[in-house]
Amino acid sequence: MYFPSYDPYKGSLIEIVDFDQPESLINKTFWEQELTIQKVSVFSAPKLYEVELYFNERDLPSAQAHEFYSFYDSQNWKLSYGKLMNSWQAAARNWIYKEKKGS
C-alpha cells in the first residue's frame, strides 16, 4: 500500500506485503524519511535596465545606477573580499545606504 506524504520535505509511507514469505519475516513499512534538499544559489548578473529601474523606483538618479553597474561589472560582480555576490539588490541597498550616509 502507498500512503503519500503531502509534506514536500518528507517521504511517503509504503507498506510492502510479500505473500511468499511467512508473516514474521516481512518488513511491513518504510518509515517517513526527510529528504535532503540542497539549495543551489545561482547568481546571474543584472542587465543595466534592471539596475536603472531599481534605482528609479527609489527616486535615485540613473547616473547613480550607472555608477553602481559599472563598478560591479568591472569587478565581475564580486564583493570586496572576492566572493561572488548572491543578490545584486542587497549590494545596491548597501551602495545606496553608503551614498546617503556620505552626503
PDB file of N, CA and C in Angstrom:
ATOM      1  N   MET A   1       0.841  -1.170   0.000  1.00  0.00           N
ATOM      2  CA  MET A   1       0.000   0.000   0.000  1.00  0.00           C
ATOM      3  C   MET A   1       0.888   1.235   0.000  1.00  0.00           C
ATOM      4  N   TYR A   2       0.385   2.285  -0.562  1.00  0.00           N
ATOM      5  CA  TYR A   2       1.116   3.539  -0.677  1.00  0.00           C
ATOM      6  C   TYR A   2       0.342   4.635   0.031  1.00  0.00           C
ATOM      7  N   PHE A   3       1.004   5.293   0.960  1.00  0.00           N
ATOM      8  CA  PHE A   3       0.402   6.401   1.686  1.00  0.00           C
ATOM      9  C   PHE A   3       1.218   7.651   1.372  1.00  0.00           C
ATOM     10  N   PRO A   4       0.733   8.487   0.461  1.00  0.00           N
ATOM     11  CA  PRO A   4       1.532   9.644   0.040  1.00  0.00           C
ATOM     12  C   PRO A   4       1.703  10.665   1.157  1.00  0.00           C
ATOM     13  N   SER A   5       2.846  11.281   1.145  1.00  0.00           N
ATOM     14  CA  SER A   5       3.120  12.370   2.075  1.00  0.00           C
ATOM     15  C   SER A   5       2.857  13.672   1.338  1.00  0.00           C
ATOM     16  N   TYR A   6       2.123  14.539   1.951  1.00  0.00           N
ATOM     17  CA  TYR A   6       1.835  15.822   1.320  1.00  0.00           C
ATOM     18  C   TYR A   6       2.791  16.902   1.821  1.00  0.00           C
ATOM     19  N   ASP A   7       3.774  16.472   2.580  1.00  0.00           N
ATOM     20  CA  ASP A   7       4.815  17.372   3.054  1.00  0.00           C
ATOM     21  C   ASP A   7       5.986  17.260   2.078  1.00  0.00           C
ATOM     22  N   PRO A   8       6.408  18.376   1.445  1.00  0.00           N
ATOM     23  CA  PRO A   8       7.475  18.283   0.451  1.00  0.00           C
ATOM     24  C   PRO A   8       8.837  17.924   1.040  1.00  0.00           C
ATOM     25  N   TYR A   9       8.973  17.955   2.370  1.00  0.00           N
ATOM     26  CA  TYR A   9      10.246  17.663   2.998  1.00  0.00           C
ATOM     27  C   TYR A   9      10.327  16.248   3.564  1.00  0.00           C
ATOM     28  N   LYS A  10       9.270  15.489   3.443  1.00  0.00           N
ATOM     29  CA  LYS A  10       9.275  14.129   3.968  1.00  0.00           C
ATOM     30  C   LYS A  10       8.839  13.161   2.878  1.00  0.00           C
ATOM     31  N   GLY A  11       9.307  11.953   3.008  1.00  0.00           N
ATOM     32  CA  GLY A  11       8.933  10.924   2.055  1.00  0.00           C
ATOM     33  C   GLY A  11       7.577  10.324   2.388  1.00  0.00           C
ATOM     34  N   SER A  12       7.126   9.428   1.541  1.00  0.00           N
ATOM     35  CA  SER A  12       5.834   8.784   1.729  1.00  0.00           C
ATOM     36  C   SER A  12       6.004   7.473   2.487  1.00  0.00           C
ATOM     37  N   LEU A  13       4.905   6.956   3.012  1.00  0.00           N
ATOM     38  CA  LEU A  13       4.902   5.698   3.743  1.00  0.00           C
ATOM     39  C   LEU A  13       4.459   4.596   2.784  1.00  0.00           C
ATOM     40  N   ILE A  14       5.241   3.517   2.761  1.00  0.00           N
ATOM     41  CA  ILE A  14       4.934   2.399   1.872  1.00  0.00           C
ATOM     42  C   ILE A  14       4.847   1.134   2.711  1.00  0.00           C
ATOM     43  N   GLU A  15       3.798   0.372   2.495  1.00  0.00           N
ATOM     44  CA  GLU A  15       3.654  -0.914   3.169  1.00  0.00           C
ATOM     45  C   GLU A  15       3.815  -1.997   2.114  1.00  0.00           C
ATOM     46  N   ILE A  16       4.762  -2.898   2.366  1.00  0.00           N
ATOM     47  CA  ILE A  16       5.040  -3.960   1.406  1.00  0.00           C
ATOM     48  C   ILE A  16       4.542  -5.280   1.981  1.00  0.00           C
ATOM     49  N   VAL A  17       3.755  -5.958   1.207  1.00  0.00           N
ATOM     50  CA  VAL A  17       3.240  -7.260   1.614  1.00  0.00           C
ATOM     51  C   VAL A  17       3.835  -8.297   0.672  1.00  0.00           C
ATOM     52  N   ASP A  18       4.539  -9.272   1.247  1.00  0.00           N
ATOM     53  CA  ASP A  18       5.147 -10.338   0.462  1.00  0.00           C
ATOM     54  C   ASP A  18       4.405 -11.626   0.803  1.00  0.00           C
ATOM     55  N   PHE A  19       3.676 -12.135  -0.138  1.00  0.00           N
ATOM     56  CA  PHE A  19       2.844 -13.307   0.095  1.00  0.00           C
ATOM     57  C   PHE A  19       3.640 -14.612   0.051  1.00  0.00           C
ATOM     58  N   ASP A  20       4.911 -14.552  -0.389  1.00  0.00           N
ATOM     59  CA  ASP A  20       5.730 -15.755  -0.484  1.00  0.00           C
ATOM     60  C   ASP A  20       6.454 -16.090   0.817  1.00  0.00           C
ATOM     61  N   GLN A  21       6.576 -15.151   1.747  1.00  0.00           N
ATOM     62  CA  GLN A  21       7.316 -15.388   2.977  1.00  0.00           C
ATOM     63  C   GLN A  21       6.375 -15.378   4.170  1.00  0.00           C
ATOM     64  N   PRO A  22       6.795 -16.053   5.243  1.00  0.00           N
ATOM     65  CA  PRO A  22       5.961 -16.046   6.446  1.00  0.00           C
ATOM     66  C   PRO A  22       5.842 -14.633   7.026  1.00  0.00           C
ATOM     67  N   GLU A  23       4.798 -14.427   7.783  1.00  0.00           N
ATOM     68  CA  GLU A  23       4.478 -13.112   8.356  1.00  0.00           C
ATOM     69  C   GLU A  23       5.622 -12.550   9.198  1.00  0.00           C
ATOM     70  N   SER A  24       6.380 -13.389   9.883  1.00  0.00           N
ATOM     71  CA  SER A  24       7.430 -12.909  10.782  1.00  0.00           C
ATOM     72  C   SER A  24       8.627 -12.320  10.038  1.00  0.00           C
ATOM     73  N   LEU A  25       8.835 -12.659   8.773  1.00  0.00           N
ATOM     74  CA  LEU A  25       9.991 -12.183   8.024  1.00  0.00           C
ATOM     75  C   LEU A  25       9.703 -10.930   7.191  1.00  0.00           C
ATOM     76  N   ILE A  26       8.492 -10.501   7.196  1.00  0.00           N
ATOM     77  CA  ILE A  26       8.113  -9.381   6.334  1.00  0.00           C
ATOM     78  C   ILE A  26       8.447  -8.045   7.000  1.00  0.00           C
ATOM     79  N   ASN A  27       9.125  -7.207   6.262  1.00  0.00           N
ATOM     80  CA  ASN A  27       9.357  -5.836   6.706  1.00  0.00           C
ATOM     81  C   ASN A  27       8.188  -5.029   6.157  1.00  0.00           C
ATOM     82  N   LYS A  28       7.257  -4.676   7.025  1.00  0.00           N
ATOM     83  CA  LYS A  28       5.991  -4.127   6.553  1.00  0.00           C
ATOM     84  C   LYS A  28       6.059  -2.682   6.068  1.00  0.00           C
ATOM     85  N   THR A  29       6.865  -1.881   6.689  1.00  0.00           N
ATOM     86  CA  THR A  29       6.793  -0.462   6.327  1.00  0.00           C
ATOM     87  C   THR A  29       8.169   0.165   6.191  1.00  0.00           C
ATOM     88  N   PHE A  30       8.207   1.162   5.375  1.00  0.00           N
ATOM     89  CA  PHE A  30       9.348   2.062   5.310  1.00  0.00           C
ATOM     90  C   PHE A  30       8.866   3.348   5.954  1.00  0.00           C
ATOM     91  N   TRP A  31       9.554   3.778   6.977  1.00  0.00           N
ATOM     92  CA  TRP A  31       9.110   4.967   7.697  1.00  0.00           C
ATOM     93  C   TRP A  31       9.466   6.221   6.925  1.00  0.00           C
ATOM     94  N   GLU A  32       8.737   7.255   7.249  1.00  0.00           N
ATOM     95  CA  GLU A  32       8.976   8.529   6.569  1.00  0.00           C
ATOM     96  C   GLU A  32      10.416   8.984   6.785  1.00  0.00           C
ATOM     97  N   GLN A  33      10.996   9.423   5.726  1.00  0.00           N
ATOM     98  CA  GLN A  33      12.363   9.914   5.797  1.00  0.00           C
ATOM     99  C   GLN A  33      12.390  11.343   5.277  1.00  0.00           C
ATOM    100  N   GLU A  34      13.166  12.153   5.953  1.00  0.00           N
ATOM    101  CA  GLU A  34      13.289  13.524   5.480  1.00  0.00           C
ATOM    102  C   GLU A  34      14.192  13.551   4.258  1.00  0.00           C
ATOM    103  N   LEU A  35      13.758  14.283   3.285  1.00  0.00           N
ATOM    104  CA  LEU A  35      14.557  14.447   2.084  1.00  0.00           C
ATOM    105  C   LEU A  35      15.571  15.558   2.316  1.00  0.00           C
ATOM    106  N   THR A  36      16.727  15.373   1.776  1.00  0.00           N
ATOM    107  CA  THR A  36      17.715  16.445   1.871  1.00  0.00           C
ATOM    108  C   THR A  36      17.595  17.289   0.616  1.00  0.00           C
ATOM    109  N   ILE A  37      17.236  18.514   0.837  1.00  0.00           N
ATOM    110  CA  ILE A  37      17.071  19.434  -0.279  1.00  0.00           C
ATOM    111  C   ILE A  37      18.240  20.399  -0.253  1.00  0.00           C
ATOM    112  N   GLN A  38      18.931  20.442  -1.360  1.00  0.00           N
ATOM    113  CA  GLN A  38      20.075  21.333  -1.445  1.00  0.00           C
ATOM    114  C   GLN A  38      19.644  22.598  -2.167  1.00  0.00           C
ATOM    115  N   LYS A  39      19.924  23.724  -1.533  1.00  0.00           N
ATOM    116  CA  LYS A  39      19.645  24.989  -2.182  1.00  0.00           C
ATOM    117  C   LYS A  39      20.850  25.352  -3.029  1.00  0.00           C
ATOM    118  N   VAL A  40      20.581  25.561  -4.272  1.00  0.00           N
ATOM    119  CA  VAL A  40      21.643  25.955  -5.169  1.00  0.00           C
ATOM    120  C   VAL A  40      21.436  27.424  -5.496  1.00  0.00           C
ATOM    121  N   SER A  41      22.387  28.209  -5.103  1.00  0.00           N
ATOM    122  CA  SER A  41      22.304  29.643  -5.334  1.00  0.00           C
ATOM    123  C   SER A  41      23.078  29.974  -6.600  1.00  0.00           C
ATOM    124  N   VAL A  42      22.353  30.336  -7.633  1.00  0.00           N
ATOM    125  CA  VAL A  42      22.982  30.687  -8.889  1.00  0.00           C
ATOM    126  C   VAL A  42      22.771  32.172  -9.118  1.00  0.00           C
ATOM    127  N   PHE A  43      23.856  32.907  -9.146  1.00  0.00           N
ATOM    128  CA  PHE A  43      23.771  34.346  -9.354  1.00  0.00           C
ATOM    129  C   PHE A  43      23.841  34.633 -10.840  1.00  0.00           C
ATOM    130  N   SER A  44      22.967  35.499 -11.287  1.00  0.00           N
ATOM    131  CA  SER A  44      23.055  35.976 -12.663  1.00  0.00           C
ATOM    132  C   SER A  44      23.138  37.496 -12.613  1.00  0.00           C
ATOM    133  N   ALA A  45      24.098  38.022 -13.318  1.00  0.00           N
ATOM    134  CA  ALA A  45      24.322  39.467 -13.320  1.00  0.00           C
ATOM    135  C   ALA A  45      23.109  40.172 -13.921  1.00  0.00           C
ATOM    136  N   PRO A  46      22.725  41.297 -13.336  1.00  0.00           N
ATOM    137  CA  PRO A  46      21.558  42.019 -13.853  1.00  0.00           C
ATOM    138  C   PRO A  46      21.900  42.774 -15.130  1.00  0.00           C
ATOM    139  N   LYS A  47      20.876  43.119 -15.847  1.00  0.00           N
ATOM    140  CA  LYS A  47      21.020  43.995 -17.011  1.00  0.00           C
ATOM    141  C   LYS A  47      21.012  45.430 -16.504  1.00  0.00           C
ATOM    142  N   LEU A  48      21.578  46.321 -17.284  1.00  0.00           N
ATOM    143  CA  LEU A  48      21.651  47.721 -16.881  1.00  0.00           C
ATOM    144  C   LEU A  48      20.263  48.305 -16.646  1.00  0.00           C
ATOM    145  N   TYR A  49      19.300  47.941 -17.492  1.00  0.00           N
ATOM    146  CA  TYR A  49      17.948  48.492 -17.328  1.00  0.00           C
ATOM    147  C   TYR A  49      17.304  48.023 -16.018  1.00  0.00           C
ATOM    148  N   GLU A  50      17.651  46.816 -15.547  1.00  0.00           N
ATOM    149  CA  GLU A  50      17.119  46.339 -14.270  1.00  0.00           C
ATOM    150  C   GLU A  50      17.658  47.176 -13.113  1.00  0.00           C
ATOM    151  N   VAL A  51      18.934  47.498 -13.183  1.00  0.00           N
ATOM    152  CA  VAL A  51      19.549  48.315 -12.135  1.00  0.00           C
ATOM    153  C   VAL A  51      18.965  49.725 -12.169  1.00  0.00           C
ATOM    154  N   GLU A  52      18.801  50.280 -13.381  1.00  0.00           N
ATOM    155  CA  GLU A  52      18.200  51.614 -13.505  1.00  0.00           C
ATOM    156  C   GLU A  52      16.795  51.628 -12.921  1.00  0.00           C
ATOM    157  N   LEU A  53      16.017  50.618 -13.228  1.00  0.00           N
ATOM    158  CA  LEU A  53      14.653  50.528 -12.709  1.00  0.00           C
ATOM    159  C   LEU A  53      14.666  50.456 -11.182  1.00  0.00           C
ATOM    160  N   TYR A  54      15.563  49.662 -10.628  1.00  0.00           N
ATOM    161  CA  TYR A  54      15.677  49.520  -9.173  1.00  0.00           C
ATOM    162  C   TYR A  54      15.988  50.867  -8.527  1.00  0.00           C
ATOM    163  N   PHE A  55      16.936  51.602  -9.095  1.00  0.00           N
ATOM    164  CA  PHE A  55      17.308  52.906  -8.537  1.00  0.00           C
ATOM    165  C   PHE A  55      16.195  53.932  -8.752  1.00  0.00           C
ATOM    166  N   ASN A  56      15.557  53.914  -9.922  1.00  0.00           N
ATOM    167  CA  ASN A  56      14.472  54.866 -10.197  1.00  0.00           C
ATOM    168  C   ASN A  56      13.270  54.637  -9.288  1.00  0.00           C
ATOM    169  N   GLU A  57      12.996  53.378  -8.934  1.00  0.00           N
ATOM    170  CA  GLU A  57      11.895  53.078  -8.015  1.00  0.00           C
ATOM    171  C   GLU A  57      12.153  53.672  -6.633  1.00  0.00           C
ATOM    172  N   ARG A  58      13.394  53.923  -6.329  1.00  0.00           N
ATOM    173  CA  ARG A  58      13.767  54.509  -5.038  1.00  0.00           C
ATOM    174  C   ARG A  58      14.080  55.999  -5.159  1.00  0.00           C
ATOM    175  N   ASP A  59      13.616  56.591  -6.258  1.00  0.00           N
ATOM    176  CA  ASP A  59      13.787  58.027  -6.532  1.00  0.00           C
ATOM    177  C   ASP A  59      15.250  58.452  -6.522  1.00  0.00           C
ATOM    178  N   LEU A  60      16.083  57.639  -7.131  1.00  0.00           N
ATOM    179  CA  LEU A  60      17.506  57.953  -7.249  1.00  0.00           C
ATOM    180  C   LEU A  60      17.840  58.143  -8.724  1.00  0.00           C
ATOM    181  N   PRO A  61      18.834  58.959  -9.027  1.00  0.00           N
ATOM    182  CA  PRO A  61      19.148  59.251 -10.427  1.00  0.00           C
ATOM    183  C   PRO A  61      19.750  58.053 -11.164  1.00  0.00           C
ATOM    184  N   SER A  62      19.530  58.036 -12.471  1.00  0.00           N
ATOM    185  CA  SER A  62      20.077  56.967 -13.307  1.00  0.00           C
ATOM    186  C   SER A  62      21.600  56.980 -13.303  1.00  0.00           C
ATOM    187  N   ALA A  63      22.178  58.160 -13.102  1.00  0.00           N
ATOM    188  CA  ALA A  63      23.645  58.254 -13.063  1.00  0.00           C
ATOM    189  C   ALA A  63      24.209  57.403 -11.929  1.00  0.00           C
ATOM    190  N   GLN A  64      23.512  57.382 -10.815  1.00  0.00           N
ATOM    191  CA  GLN A  64      23.958  56.561  -9.680  1.00  0.00           C
ATOM    192  C   GLN A  64      23.832  55.075 -10.024  1.00  0.00           C
ATOM    193  N   ALA A  65      22.794  54.718 -10.750  1.00  0.00           N
ATOM    194  CA  ALA A  65      22.618  53.332 -11.187  1.00  0.00           C
ATOM    195  C   ALA A  65      23.740  52.931 -12.140  1.00  0.00           C
ATOM    196  N   HIS A  66      24.108  53.827 -13.047  1.00  0.00           N
ATOM    197  CA  HIS A  66      25.204  53.554 -13.980  1.00  0.00           C
ATOM    198  C   HIS A  66      26.526  53.384 -13.229  1.00  0.00           C
ATOM    199  N   GLU A  67      26.735  54.207 -12.221  1.00  0.00           N
ATOM    200  CA  GLU A  67      27.958  54.121 -11.424  1.00  0.00           C
ATOM    201  C   GLU A  67      28.028  52.772 -10.699  1.00  0.00           C
ATOM    202  N   PHE A  68      26.914  52.377 -10.094  1.00  0.00           N
ATOM    203  CA  PHE A  68      26.834  51.081  -9.405  1.00  0.00           C
ATOM    204  C   PHE A  68      27.099  49.937 -10.382  1.00  0.00           C
ATOM    205  N   TYR A  69      26.403  49.978 -11.526  1.00  0.00           N
ATOM    206  CA  TYR A  69      26.537  48.913 -12.520  1.00  0.00           C
ATOM    207  C   TYR A  69      27.971  48.829 -13.043  1.00  0.00           C
ATOM    208  N   SER A  70      28.559  49.967 -13.367  1.00  0.00           N
ATOM    209  CA  SER A  70      29.924  49.987 -13.908  1.00  0.00           C
ATOM    210  C   SER A  70      30.928  49.443 -12.899  1.00  0.00           C
ATOM    211  N   PHE A  71      30.765  49.833 -11.645  1.00  0.00           N
ATOM    212  CA  PHE A  71      31.691  49.375 -10.615  1.00  0.00           C
ATOM    213  C   PHE A  71      31.648  47.857 -10.474  1.00  0.00           C
ATOM    214  N   TYR A  72      30.463  47.301 -10.275  1.00  0.00           N
ATOM    215  CA  TYR A  72      30.375  45.857 -10.039  1.00  0.00           C
ATOM    216  C   TYR A  72      30.609  45.046 -11.308  1.00  0.00           C
ATOM    217  N   ASP A  73      30.302  45.615 -12.463  1.00  0.00           N
ATOM    218  CA  ASP A  73      30.595  44.928 -13.716  1.00  0.00           C
ATOM    219  C   ASP A  73      32.108  44.816 -13.897  1.00  0.00           C
ATOM    220  N   SER A  74      32.839  45.863 -13.521  1.00  0.00           N
ATOM    221  CA  SER A  74      34.303  45.819 -13.623  1.00  0.00           C
ATOM    222  C   SER A  74      34.902  44.834 -12.618  1.00  0.00           C
ATOM    223  N   GLN A  75      34.189  44.574 -11.529  1.00  0.00           N
ATOM    224  CA  GLN A  75      34.642  43.625 -10.504  1.00  0.00           C
ATOM    225  C   GLN A  75      34.136  42.204 -10.769  1.00  0.00           C
ATOM    226  N   ASN A  76      33.500  41.989 -11.934  1.00  0.00           N
ATOM    227  CA  ASN A  76      32.892  40.693 -12.283  1.00  0.00           C
ATOM    228  C   ASN A  76      31.847  40.265 -11.265  1.00  0.00           C
ATOM    229  N   TRP A  77      31.133  41.238 -10.711  1.00  0.00           N
ATOM    230  CA  TRP A  77      30.044  41.030  -9.759  1.00  0.00           C
ATOM    231  C   TRP A  77      30.511  40.263  -8.529  1.00  0.00           C
ATOM    232  N   LYS A  78      31.731  40.600  -8.095  1.00  0.00           N
ATOM    233  CA  LYS A  78      32.265  40.028  -6.859  1.00  0.00           C
ATOM    234  C   LYS A  78      32.274  41.105  -5.793  1.00  0.00           C
ATOM    235  N   LEU A  79      32.166  40.679  -4.553  1.00  0.00           N
ATOM    236  CA  LEU A  79      32.200  41.597  -3.426  1.00  0.00           C
ATOM    237  C   LEU A  79      33.644  41.970  -3.112  1.00  0.00           C
ATOM    238  N   SER A  80      33.821  42.871  -2.185  1.00  0.00           N
ATOM    239  CA  SER A  80      35.157  43.391  -1.890  1.00  0.00           C
ATOM    240  C   SER A  80      36.129  42.312  -1.419  1.00  0.00           C
ATOM    241  N   TYR A  81      35.628  41.250  -0.818  1.00  0.00           N
ATOM    242  CA  TYR A  81      36.504  40.179  -0.340  1.00  0.00           C
ATOM    243  C   TYR A  81      36.603  39.023  -1.335  1.00  0.00           C
ATOM    244  N   GLY A  82      36.200  39.252  -2.577  1.00  0.00           N
ATOM    245  CA  GLY A  82      36.403  38.289  -3.652  1.00  0.00           C
ATOM    246  C   GLY A  82      35.329  37.240  -3.837  1.00  0.00           C
ATOM    247  N   LYS A  83      34.304  37.252  -3.008  1.00  0.00           N
ATOM    248  CA  LYS A  83      33.233  36.263  -3.117  1.00  0.00           C
ATOM    249  C   LYS A  83      32.174  36.754  -4.107  1.00  0.00           C
ATOM    250  N   LEU A  84      31.675  35.841  -4.919  1.00  0.00           N
ATOM    251  CA  LEU A  84      30.623  36.180  -5.870  1.00  0.00           C
ATOM    252  C   LEU A  84      29.364  36.550  -5.101  1.00  0.00           C
ATOM    253  N   MET A  85      28.754  37.659  -5.468  1.00  0.00           N
ATOM    254  CA  MET A  85      27.575  38.106  -4.728  1.00  0.00           C
ATOM    255  C   MET A  85      26.381  37.198  -4.989  1.00  0.00           C
ATOM    256  N   ASN A  86      25.513  37.101  -4.006  1.00  0.00           N
ATOM    257  CA  ASN A  86      24.292  36.310  -4.127  1.00  0.00           C
ATOM    258  C   ASN A  86      23.142  37.151  -4.639  1.00  0.00           C
ATOM    259  N   SER A  87      23.117  38.410  -4.242  1.00  0.00           N
ATOM    260  CA  SER A  87      21.990  39.276  -4.572  1.00  0.00           C
ATOM    261  C   SER A  87      22.501  40.670  -4.918  1.00  0.00           C
ATOM    262  N   TRP A  88      22.310  41.063  -6.155  1.00  0.00           N
ATOM    263  CA  TRP A  88      22.749  42.403  -6.540  1.00  0.00           C
ATOM    264  C   TRP A  88      21.861  43.465  -5.892  1.00  0.00           C
ATOM    265  N   GLN A  89      20.595  43.100  -5.569  1.00  0.00           N
ATOM    266  CA  GLN A  89      19.707  44.054  -4.902  1.00  0.00           C
ATOM    267  C   GLN A  89      20.251  44.409  -3.514  1.00  0.00           C
ATOM    268  N   ALA A  90      20.786  43.415  -2.806  1.00  0.00           N
ATOM    269  CA  ALA A  90      21.364  43.676  -1.488  1.00  0.00           C
ATOM    270  C   ALA A  90      22.587  44.580  -1.621  1.00  0.00           C
ATOM    271  N   ALA A  91      23.393  44.336  -2.642  1.00  0.00           N
ATOM    272  CA  ALA A  91      24.562  45.189  -2.874  1.00  0.00           C
ATOM    273  C   ALA A  91      24.117  46.609  -3.220  1.00  0.00           C
ATOM    274  N   ALA A  92      23.031  46.731  -3.971  1.00  0.00           N
ATOM    275  CA  ALA A  92      22.512  48.056  -4.333  1.00  0.00           C
ATOM    276  C   ALA A  92      21.988  48.783  -3.098  1.00  0.00           C
ATOM    277  N   ARG A  93      21.289  48.062  -2.220  1.00  0.00           N
ATOM    278  CA  ARG A  93      20.802  48.690  -0.986  1.00  0.00           C
ATOM    279  C   ARG A  93      21.966  49.219  -0.152  1.00  0.00           C
ATOM    280  N   ASN A  94      23.020  48.425  -0.062  1.00  0.00           N
ATOM    281  CA  ASN A  94      24.202  48.841   0.686  1.00  0.00           C
ATOM    282  C   ASN A  94      24.865  50.046   0.015  1.00  0.00           C
ATOM    283  N   TRP A  95      24.939  50.033  -1.301  1.00  0.00           N
ATOM    284  CA  TRP A  95      25.507  51.135  -2.077  1.00  0.00           C
ATOM    285  C   TRP A  95      24.722  52.422  -1.810  1.00  0.00           C
ATOM    286  N   ILE A  96      23.405  52.323  -1.863  1.00  0.00           N
ATOM    287  CA  ILE A  96      22.527  53.481  -1.645  1.00  0.00           C
ATOM    288  C   ILE A  96      22.702  54.009  -0.222  1.00  0.00           C
ATOM    289  N   TYR A  97      22.759  53.101   0.739  1.00  0.00           N
ATOM    290  CA  TYR A  97      22.930  53.499   2.139  1.00  0.00           C
ATOM    291  C   TYR A  97      24.233  54.276   2.324  1.00  0.00           C
ATOM    292  N   LYS A  98      25.311  53.751   1.735  1.00  0.00           N
ATOM    293  CA  LYS A  98      26.610  54.409   1.868  1.00  0.00           C
ATOM    294  C   LYS A  98      26.620  55.765   1.164  1.00  0.00           C
ATOM    295  N   GLU A  99      25.938  55.864   0.021  1.00  0.00           N
ATOM    296  CA  GLU A  99      25.865  57.140  -0.702  1.00  0.00           C
ATOM    297  C   GLU A  99      25.118  58.186   0.123  1.00  0.00           C
ATOM    298  N   LYS A 100      24.005  57.770   0.732  1.00  0.00           N
ATOM    299  CA  LYS A 100      23.214  58.708   1.536  1.00  0.00           C
ATOM    300  C   LYS A 100      23.964  59.103   2.804  1.00  0.00           C
ATOM    301  N   LYS A 101      24.687  58.155   3.376  1.00  0.00           N
ATOM    302  CA  LYS A 101      25.441  58.420   4.602  1.00  0.00           C
ATOM    303  C   LYS A 101      26.601  59.378   4.326  1.00  0.00           C
ATOM    304  N   GLY A 102      27.198  59.248   3.143  1.00  0.00           N
ATOM    305  CA  GLY A 102      28.324  60.099   2.774  1.00  0.00           C
ATOM    306  C   GLY A 102      27.911  61.511   2.402  1.00  0.00           C
ATOM    307  N   SER A 103      26.651  61.711   2.066  1.00  0.00           N
ATOM    308  CA  SER A 103      26.181  63.043   1.639  1.00  0.00           C
ATOM    309  C   SER A 103      25.935  63.965   2.797  1.00  0.00           C
TER     310      SER A 103
END
